PDB file of all heavy atoms in Angstrom:
ATOM      1  N   ALA A   1       0.750  -1.241   0.004  1.00  0.00           N
ATOM      2  CA  ALA A   1      -0.025  -0.024   0.001  1.00  0.00           C
ATOM      3  C   ALA A   1       0.918   1.256   0.033  1.00  0.00           C
ATOM      4  O   ALA A   1       2.009   1.309   0.638  1.00  0.00           O
ATOM      5  CB  ALA A   1      -0.914  -0.024   1.252  1.00  0.00           C
ATOM      6  N   VAL A   2       0.362   2.358  -0.586  1.00  0.00           N
ATOM      7  CA  VAL A   2       1.024   3.649  -0.663  1.00  0.00           C
ATOM      8  C   VAL A   2       0.070   4.716  -0.215  1.00  0.00           C
ATOM      9  O   VAL A   2      -1.137   4.430  -0.215  1.00  0.00           O
ATOM     10  CB  VAL A   2       1.651   3.954  -1.953  1.00  0.00           C
ATOM     11  CG1 VAL A   2       2.697   3.003  -2.450  1.00  0.00           C
ATOM     12  CG2 VAL A   2       0.566   4.067  -3.132  1.00  0.00           C
ATOM     13  N   SER A   3       0.617   5.772   0.277  1.00  0.00           N
ATOM     14  CA  SER A   3      -0.263   6.794   0.774  1.00  0.00           C
ATOM     15  C   SER A   3      -0.931   7.540  -0.418  1.00  0.00           C
ATOM     16  O   SER A   3      -0.268   8.107  -1.311  1.00  0.00           O
ATOM     17  CB  SER A   3       0.665   7.894   1.424  1.00  0.00           C
ATOM     18  OG  SER A   3      -0.245   8.990   1.814  1.00  0.00           O
ATOM     19  N   GLU A   4      -2.227   7.457  -0.500  1.00  0.00           N
ATOM     20  CA  GLU A   4      -2.967   7.854  -1.709  1.00  0.00           C
ATOM     21  C   GLU A   4      -2.954   9.427  -1.809  1.00  0.00           C
ATOM     22  O   GLU A   4      -3.150  10.012  -2.790  1.00  0.00           O
ATOM     23  CB  GLU A   4      -4.448   7.373  -1.610  1.00  0.00           C
ATOM     24  CG  GLU A   4      -4.565   5.933  -1.863  1.00  0.00           C
ATOM     25  CD  GLU A   4      -6.041   5.323  -1.928  1.00  0.00           C
ATOM     26  OE1 GLU A   4      -6.769   6.267  -2.417  1.00  0.00           O
ATOM     27  OE2 GLU A   4      -6.178   4.286  -1.560  1.00  0.00           O
ATOM     28  N   HIS A   5      -2.783  10.254  -0.639  1.00  0.00           N
ATOM     29  CA  HIS A   5      -2.774  11.713  -0.736  1.00  0.00           C
ATOM     30  C   HIS A   5      -1.584  12.246  -1.422  1.00  0.00           C
ATOM     31  O   HIS A   5      -1.515  13.240  -1.912  1.00  0.00           O
ATOM     32  CB  HIS A   5      -2.913  12.241   0.630  1.00  0.00           C
ATOM     33  CG  HIS A   5      -1.583  12.278   1.442  1.00  0.00           C
ATOM     34  ND1 HIS A   5      -1.260  11.136   2.275  1.00  0.00           N
ATOM     35  CD2 HIS A   5      -0.566  13.101   1.611  1.00  0.00           C
ATOM     36  CE1 HIS A   5      -0.064  11.200   2.713  1.00  0.00           C
ATOM     37  NE2 HIS A   5       0.375  12.601   2.419  1.00  0.00           N
ATOM     38  N   SER A   6      -0.646  11.338  -1.680  1.00  0.00           N
ATOM     39  CA  SER A   6       0.672  11.845  -2.399  1.00  0.00           C
ATOM     40  C   SER A   6       0.456  11.718  -3.994  1.00  0.00           C
ATOM     41  O   SER A   6       1.288  12.340  -4.697  1.00  0.00           O
ATOM     42  CB  SER A   6       1.829  10.964  -1.991  1.00  0.00           C
ATOM     43  OG  SER A   6       2.099  11.055  -0.648  1.00  0.00           O
ATOM     44  N   PHE A   7      -0.372  10.984  -4.430  1.00  0.00           N
ATOM     45  CA  PHE A   7      -0.687  10.794  -5.849  1.00  0.00           C
ATOM     46  C   PHE A   7      -1.985  11.276  -6.320  1.00  0.00           C
ATOM     47  O   PHE A   7      -2.792  11.555  -5.528  1.00  0.00           O
ATOM     48  CB  PHE A   7      -0.583   9.371  -6.197  1.00  0.00           C
ATOM     49  CG  PHE A   7       0.832   8.781  -5.737  1.00  0.00           C
ATOM     50  CD1 PHE A   7       1.042   8.254  -4.617  1.00  0.00           C
ATOM     51  CD2 PHE A   7       1.890   8.767  -6.759  1.00  0.00           C
ATOM     52  CE1 PHE A   7       2.336   7.635  -4.278  1.00  0.00           C
ATOM     53  CE2 PHE A   7       3.131   8.357  -6.445  1.00  0.00           C
ATOM     54  CZ  PHE A   7       3.343   7.752  -5.166  1.00  0.00           C
ATOM     55  N   PRO A   8      -2.238  11.504  -7.691  1.00  0.00           N
ATOM     56  CA  PRO A   8      -3.460  12.058  -8.199  1.00  0.00           C
ATOM     57  C   PRO A   8      -4.687  11.175  -7.676  1.00  0.00           C
ATOM     58  O   PRO A   8      -4.514   9.959  -7.596  1.00  0.00           O
ATOM     59  CB  PRO A   8      -3.263  11.991  -9.696  1.00  0.00           C
ATOM     60  CG  PRO A   8      -1.700  12.103  -9.950  1.00  0.00           C
ATOM     61  CD  PRO A   8      -1.172  11.287  -8.742  1.00  0.00           C
ATOM     62  N   PRO A   9      -5.800  11.681  -7.538  1.00  0.00           N
ATOM     63  CA  PRO A   9      -6.932  10.960  -7.199  1.00  0.00           C
ATOM     64  C   PRO A   9      -7.255   9.861  -8.007  1.00  0.00           C
ATOM     65  O   PRO A   9      -7.147  10.002  -9.324  1.00  0.00           O
ATOM     66  CB  PRO A   9      -8.082  11.999  -7.275  1.00  0.00           C
ATOM     67  CG  PRO A   9      -7.381  13.302  -7.035  1.00  0.00           C
ATOM     68  CD  PRO A   9      -6.083  13.195  -7.730  1.00  0.00           C
ATOM     69  N   GLY A  10      -7.506   8.589  -7.541  1.00  0.00           N
ATOM     70  CA  GLY A  10      -7.847   7.448  -8.287  1.00  0.00           C
ATOM     71  C   GLY A  10      -6.612   6.700  -8.856  1.00  0.00           C
ATOM     72  O   GLY A  10      -6.845   5.572  -9.289  1.00  0.00           O
ATOM     73  N   SER A  11      -5.390   7.164  -8.764  1.00  0.00           N
ATOM     74  CA  SER A  11      -4.259   6.527  -9.267  1.00  0.00           C
ATOM     75  C   SER A  11      -3.789   5.334  -8.482  1.00  0.00           C
ATOM     76  O   SER A  11      -3.037   4.476  -9.007  1.00  0.00           O
ATOM     77  CB  SER A  11      -3.064   7.465  -9.424  1.00  0.00           C
ATOM     78  OG  SER A  11      -2.617   8.128  -8.131  1.00  0.00           O
ATOM     79  N   CYS A  12      -4.275   5.286  -7.225  1.00  0.00           N
ATOM     80  CA  CYS A  12      -3.843   4.192  -6.441  1.00  0.00           C
ATOM     81  C   CYS A  12      -4.888   3.137  -6.080  1.00  0.00           C
ATOM     82  O   CYS A  12      -4.683   2.398  -5.143  1.00  0.00           O
ATOM     83  CB  CYS A  12      -3.286   4.850  -4.939  1.00  0.00           C
ATOM     84  SG  CYS A  12      -1.900   5.844  -5.096  1.00  0.00           S
ATOM     85  N   LYS A  13      -5.946   3.248  -6.908  1.00  0.00           N
ATOM     86  CA  LYS A  13      -6.943   2.288  -6.664  1.00  0.00           C
ATOM     87  C   LYS A  13      -6.594   0.834  -6.766  1.00  0.00           C
ATOM     88  O   LYS A  13      -5.931   0.322  -7.578  1.00  0.00           O
ATOM     89  CB  LYS A  13      -8.108   2.684  -7.841  1.00  0.00           C
ATOM     90  CG  LYS A  13      -9.376   1.767  -7.502  1.00  0.00           C
ATOM     91  CD  LYS A  13     -10.304   2.163  -8.588  1.00  0.00           C
ATOM     92  CE  LYS A  13     -11.663   1.423  -8.352  1.00  0.00           C
ATOM     93  NZ  LYS A  13     -12.663   1.624  -9.480  1.00  0.00           N
ATOM     94  N   GLY A  14      -7.019   0.077  -5.677  1.00  0.00           N
ATOM     95  CA  GLY A  14      -6.796  -1.301  -5.606  1.00  0.00           C
ATOM     96  C   GLY A  14      -5.459  -1.698  -5.192  1.00  0.00           C
ATOM     97  O   GLY A  14      -5.024  -2.914  -5.155  1.00  0.00           O
ATOM     98  N   ILE A  15      -4.505  -0.926  -4.801  1.00  0.00           N
ATOM     99  CA  ILE A  15      -3.138  -1.298  -4.296  1.00  0.00           C
ATOM    100  C   ILE A  15      -3.249  -1.923  -3.003  1.00  0.00           C
ATOM    101  O   ILE A  15      -3.741  -1.379  -2.105  1.00  0.00           O
ATOM    102  CB  ILE A  15      -2.240  -0.056  -4.386  1.00  0.00           C
ATOM    103  CG1 ILE A  15      -1.958   0.413  -5.772  1.00  0.00           C
ATOM    104  CG2 ILE A  15      -0.837  -0.394  -3.791  1.00  0.00           C
ATOM    105  CD1 ILE A  15      -1.149   1.609  -5.857  1.00  0.00           C
ATOM    106  N   PRO A  16      -2.486  -3.047  -2.807  1.00  0.00           N
ATOM    107  CA  PRO A  16      -1.770  -3.806  -3.677  1.00  0.00           C
ATOM    108  C   PRO A  16      -2.628  -4.716  -4.527  1.00  0.00           C
ATOM    109  O   PRO A  16      -3.614  -5.156  -4.027  1.00  0.00           O
ATOM    110  CB  PRO A  16      -0.729  -4.592  -2.919  1.00  0.00           C
ATOM    111  CG  PRO A  16      -1.515  -4.814  -1.600  1.00  0.00           C
ATOM    112  CD  PRO A  16      -2.335  -3.557  -1.398  1.00  0.00           C
ATOM    113  N   ARG A  17      -2.357  -4.805  -5.774  1.00  0.00           N
ATOM    114  CA  ARG A  17      -3.059  -5.707  -6.749  1.00  0.00           C
ATOM    115  C   ARG A  17      -2.188  -6.930  -6.992  1.00  0.00           C
ATOM    116  O   ARG A  17      -1.122  -7.051  -6.628  1.00  0.00           O
ATOM    117  CB  ARG A  17      -3.360  -4.991  -8.084  1.00  0.00           C
ATOM    118  CG  ARG A  17      -4.347  -3.948  -8.027  1.00  0.00           C
ATOM    119  CD  ARG A  17      -4.466  -3.290  -9.456  1.00  0.00           C
ATOM    120  NE  ARG A  17      -3.314  -2.517  -9.839  1.00  0.00           N
ATOM    121  CZ  ARG A  17      -3.243  -1.273  -9.500  1.00  0.00           C
ATOM    122  NH1 ARG A  17      -4.053  -0.575  -8.927  1.00  0.00           N
ATOM    123  NH2 ARG A  17      -2.067  -0.640  -9.963  1.00  0.00           N
ATOM    124  N   ALA A  18      -2.952  -7.881  -7.629  1.00  0.00           N
ATOM    125  CA  ALA A  18      -2.178  -9.148  -7.912  1.00  0.00           C
ATOM    126  C   ALA A  18      -1.054  -8.782  -9.028  1.00  0.00           C
ATOM    127  O   ALA A  18      -1.232  -7.840  -9.706  1.00  0.00           O
ATOM    128  CB  ALA A  18      -3.150 -10.125  -8.611  1.00  0.00           C
ATOM    129  N   LEU A  19       0.011  -9.497  -8.997  1.00  0.00           N
ATOM    130  CA  LEU A  19       1.114  -9.211  -9.918  1.00  0.00           C
ATOM    131  C   LEU A  19       0.621  -9.260 -11.317  1.00  0.00           C
ATOM    132  O   LEU A  19       0.938  -8.501 -12.082  1.00  0.00           O
ATOM    133  CB  LEU A  19       2.274 -10.111  -9.583  1.00  0.00           C
ATOM    134  CG  LEU A  19       3.491 -10.037 -10.579  1.00  0.00           C
ATOM    135  CD1 LEU A  19       4.057  -8.593 -10.409  1.00  0.00           C
ATOM    136  CD2 LEU A  19       4.442 -11.067 -10.190  1.00  0.00           C
ATOM    137  N   SER A  20      -0.225 -10.206 -11.627  1.00  0.00           N
ATOM    138  CA  SER A  20      -0.682 -10.432 -13.015  1.00  0.00           C
ATOM    139  C   SER A  20      -1.474  -9.245 -13.504  1.00  0.00           C
ATOM    140  O   SER A  20      -1.329  -8.780 -14.585  1.00  0.00           O
ATOM    141  CB  SER A  20      -1.522 -11.701 -13.242  1.00  0.00           C
ATOM    142  OG  SER A  20      -2.561 -11.607 -12.258  1.00  0.00           O
ATOM    143  N   GLU A  21      -2.267  -8.590 -12.512  1.00  0.00           N
ATOM    144  CA  GLU A  21      -3.061  -7.344 -12.926  1.00  0.00           C
ATOM    145  C   GLU A  21      -2.061  -6.175 -13.178  1.00  0.00           C
ATOM    146  O   GLU A  21      -2.263  -5.457 -14.180  1.00  0.00           O
ATOM    147  CB  GLU A  21      -3.965  -7.114 -11.846  1.00  0.00           C
ATOM    148  CG  GLU A  21      -5.030  -5.939 -12.269  1.00  0.00           C
ATOM    149  CD  GLU A  21      -6.108  -5.722 -11.295  1.00  0.00           C
ATOM    150  OE1 GLU A  21      -6.156  -6.538 -10.242  1.00  0.00           O
ATOM    151  OE2 GLU A  21      -6.804  -4.816 -11.384  1.00  0.00           O
ATOM    152  N   ASP A  22      -1.013  -5.948 -12.255  1.00  0.00           N
ATOM    153  CA  ASP A  22      -0.070  -4.926 -12.583  1.00  0.00           C
ATOM    154  C   ASP A  22       0.683  -5.171 -13.811  1.00  0.00           C
ATOM    155  O   ASP A  22       0.950  -4.101 -14.544  1.00  0.00           O
ATOM    156  CB  ASP A  22       1.031  -4.850 -11.307  1.00  0.00           C
ATOM    157  CG  ASP A  22       0.385  -4.122 -10.072  1.00  0.00           C
ATOM    158  OD1 ASP A  22      -0.676  -3.560 -10.317  1.00  0.00           O
ATOM    159  OD2 ASP A  22       1.023  -4.201  -8.985  1.00  0.00           O
ATOM    160  N   LEU A  23       0.983  -6.369 -14.104  1.00  0.00           N
ATOM    161  CA  LEU A  23       1.731  -6.665 -15.368  1.00  0.00           C
ATOM    162  C   LEU A  23       0.811  -6.266 -16.572  1.00  0.00           C
ATOM    163  O   LEU A  23       1.315  -5.610 -17.559  1.00  0.00           O
ATOM    164  CB  LEU A  23       1.974  -8.079 -15.487  1.00  0.00           C
ATOM    165  CG  LEU A  23       3.175  -8.649 -14.689  1.00  0.00           C
ATOM    166  CD1 LEU A  23       3.206 -10.130 -14.602  1.00  0.00           C
ATOM    167  CD2 LEU A  23       4.501  -8.137 -15.203  1.00  0.00           C
ATOM    168  N   PHE A  24      -0.492  -6.586 -16.558  1.00  0.00           N
ATOM    169  CA  PHE A  24      -1.354  -6.202 -17.638  1.00  0.00           C
ATOM    170  C   PHE A  24      -1.409  -4.705 -17.664  1.00  0.00           C
ATOM    171  O   PHE A  24      -1.437  -4.171 -18.807  1.00  0.00           O
ATOM    172  CB  PHE A  24      -2.713  -6.775 -17.293  1.00  0.00           C
ATOM    173  CG  PHE A  24      -3.799  -6.535 -18.325  1.00  0.00           C
ATOM    174  CD1 PHE A  24      -3.755  -7.088 -19.598  1.00  0.00           C
ATOM    175  CD2 PHE A  24      -4.655  -5.548 -18.017  1.00  0.00           C
ATOM    176  CE1 PHE A  24      -4.614  -6.766 -20.572  1.00  0.00           C
ATOM    177  CE2 PHE A  24      -5.647  -5.096 -19.010  1.00  0.00           C
ATOM    178  CZ  PHE A  24      -5.615  -5.778 -20.296  1.00  0.00           C
ATOM    179  N   ILE A  25      -1.665  -4.038 -16.603  1.00  0.00           N
ATOM    180  CA  ILE A  25      -1.732  -2.592 -16.611  1.00  0.00           C
ATOM    181  C   ILE A  25      -0.664  -1.893 -17.174  1.00  0.00           C
ATOM    182  O   ILE A  25      -0.712  -1.038 -18.043  1.00  0.00           O
ATOM    183  CB  ILE A  25      -2.086  -1.948 -15.083  1.00  0.00           C
ATOM    184  CG1 ILE A  25      -3.534  -2.375 -14.716  1.00  0.00           C
ATOM    185  CG2 ILE A  25      -1.988  -0.520 -15.103  1.00  0.00           C
ATOM    186  CD1 ILE A  25      -3.819  -2.192 -13.281  1.00  0.00           C
ATOM    187  N   MET A  26       0.615  -2.291 -16.571  1.00  0.00           N
ATOM    188  CA  MET A  26       1.875  -1.552 -17.144  1.00  0.00           C
ATOM    189  C   MET A  26       2.091  -1.887 -18.699  1.00  0.00           C
ATOM    190  O   MET A  26       2.633  -1.026 -19.400  1.00  0.00           O
ATOM    191  CB  MET A  26       2.965  -2.046 -16.375  1.00  0.00           C
ATOM    192  CG  MET A  26       3.024  -1.385 -14.965  1.00  0.00           C
ATOM    193  SD  MET A  26       4.578  -1.657 -14.046  1.00  0.00           S
ATOM    194  CE  MET A  26       4.434  -3.380 -13.633  1.00  0.00           C
ATOM    195  N   SER A  27       1.640  -3.199 -19.135  1.00  0.00           N
ATOM    196  CA  SER A  27       1.900  -3.354 -20.523  1.00  0.00           C
ATOM    197  C   SER A  27       1.112  -2.602 -21.389  1.00  0.00           C
ATOM    198  O   SER A  27       1.245  -2.507 -22.670  1.00  0.00           O
ATOM    199  CB  SER A  27       1.813  -4.962 -20.811  1.00  0.00           C
ATOM    200  OG  SER A  27       0.481  -5.311 -20.721  1.00  0.00           O
ATOM    201  N   LYS A  28      -0.004  -2.060 -20.860  1.00  0.00           N
ATOM    202  CA  LYS A  28      -0.979  -1.177 -21.705  1.00  0.00           C
ATOM    203  C   LYS A  28      -0.710   0.279 -21.584  1.00  0.00           C
ATOM    204  O   LYS A  28      -1.368   1.130 -22.320  1.00  0.00           O
ATOM    205  CB  LYS A  28      -2.405  -1.460 -21.234  1.00  0.00           C
ATOM    206  CG  LYS A  28      -2.868  -2.893 -21.450  1.00  0.00           C
ATOM    207  CD  LYS A  28      -2.830  -3.369 -22.891  1.00  0.00           C
ATOM    208  CE  LYS A  28      -3.309  -4.747 -23.082  1.00  0.00           C
ATOM    209  NZ  LYS A  28      -3.206  -5.133 -24.491  1.00  0.00           N
ATOM    210  N   CYS A  29       0.329   0.695 -20.920  1.00  0.00           N
ATOM    211  CA  CYS A  29       0.710   1.994 -20.635  1.00  0.00           C
ATOM    212  C   CYS A  29       1.405   2.674 -21.728  1.00  0.00           C
ATOM    213  O   CYS A  29       2.311   1.886 -22.429  1.00  0.00           O
ATOM    214  CB  CYS A  29       1.349   2.342 -19.280  1.00  0.00           C
ATOM    215  SG  CYS A  29       0.278   1.896 -17.918  1.00  0.00           S
ATOM    216  N   ASP A  30       1.417   3.929 -22.024  1.00  0.00           N
ATOM    217  CA  ASP A  30       2.261   4.571 -23.040  1.00  0.00           C
ATOM    218  C   ASP A  30       3.612   4.987 -22.310  1.00  0.00           C
ATOM    219  O   ASP A  30       4.637   5.030 -23.087  1.00  0.00           O
ATOM    220  CB  ASP A  30       1.609   5.901 -23.471  1.00  0.00           C
ATOM    221  CG  ASP A  30       0.333   5.599 -24.376  1.00  0.00           C
ATOM    222  OD1 ASP A  30       0.239   4.574 -24.999  1.00  0.00           O
ATOM    223  OD2 ASP A  30      -0.739   6.409 -24.219  1.00  0.00           O
ATOM    224  N   PHE A  31       3.659   5.246 -21.080  1.00  0.00           N
ATOM    225  CA  PHE A  31       4.816   5.662 -20.380  1.00  0.00           C
ATOM    226  C   PHE A  31       4.914   4.805 -19.138  1.00  0.00           C
ATOM    227  O   PHE A  31       3.939   4.641 -18.474  1.00  0.00           O
ATOM    228  CB  PHE A  31       4.887   7.127 -19.979  1.00  0.00           C
ATOM    229  CG  PHE A  31       4.545   8.162 -21.110  1.00  0.00           C
ATOM    230  CD1 PHE A  31       3.354   8.453 -21.610  1.00  0.00           C
ATOM    231  CD2 PHE A  31       5.708   8.539 -21.891  1.00  0.00           C
ATOM    232  CE1 PHE A  31       3.229   9.344 -22.612  1.00  0.00           C
ATOM    233  CE2 PHE A  31       5.600   9.389 -22.936  1.00  0.00           C
ATOM    234  CZ  PHE A  31       4.297   9.774 -23.246  1.00  0.00           C
ATOM    235  N   ILE A  32       6.110   4.400 -18.829  1.00  0.00           N
ATOM    236  CA  ILE A  32       6.294   3.696 -17.479  1.00  0.00           C
ATOM    237  C   ILE A  32       7.501   4.345 -16.762  1.00  0.00           C
ATOM    238  O   ILE A  32       8.484   4.536 -17.260  1.00  0.00           O
ATOM    239  CB  ILE A  32       6.632   2.185 -17.724  1.00  0.00           C
ATOM    240  CG1 ILE A  32       5.432   1.534 -18.371  1.00  0.00           C
ATOM    241  CG2 ILE A  32       6.951   1.502 -16.511  1.00  0.00           C
ATOM    242  CD1 ILE A  32       5.576  -0.085 -18.734  1.00  0.00           C
TER     243      ILE A  32
END
């Protein structure tokens, strides 16, 4: 878990997630 107040609203939703979900999300991003 990370402090949600440090990041934009909604950006920390569901943390921590399953590794497979994080892999999927990151592989769909334009920037990492």
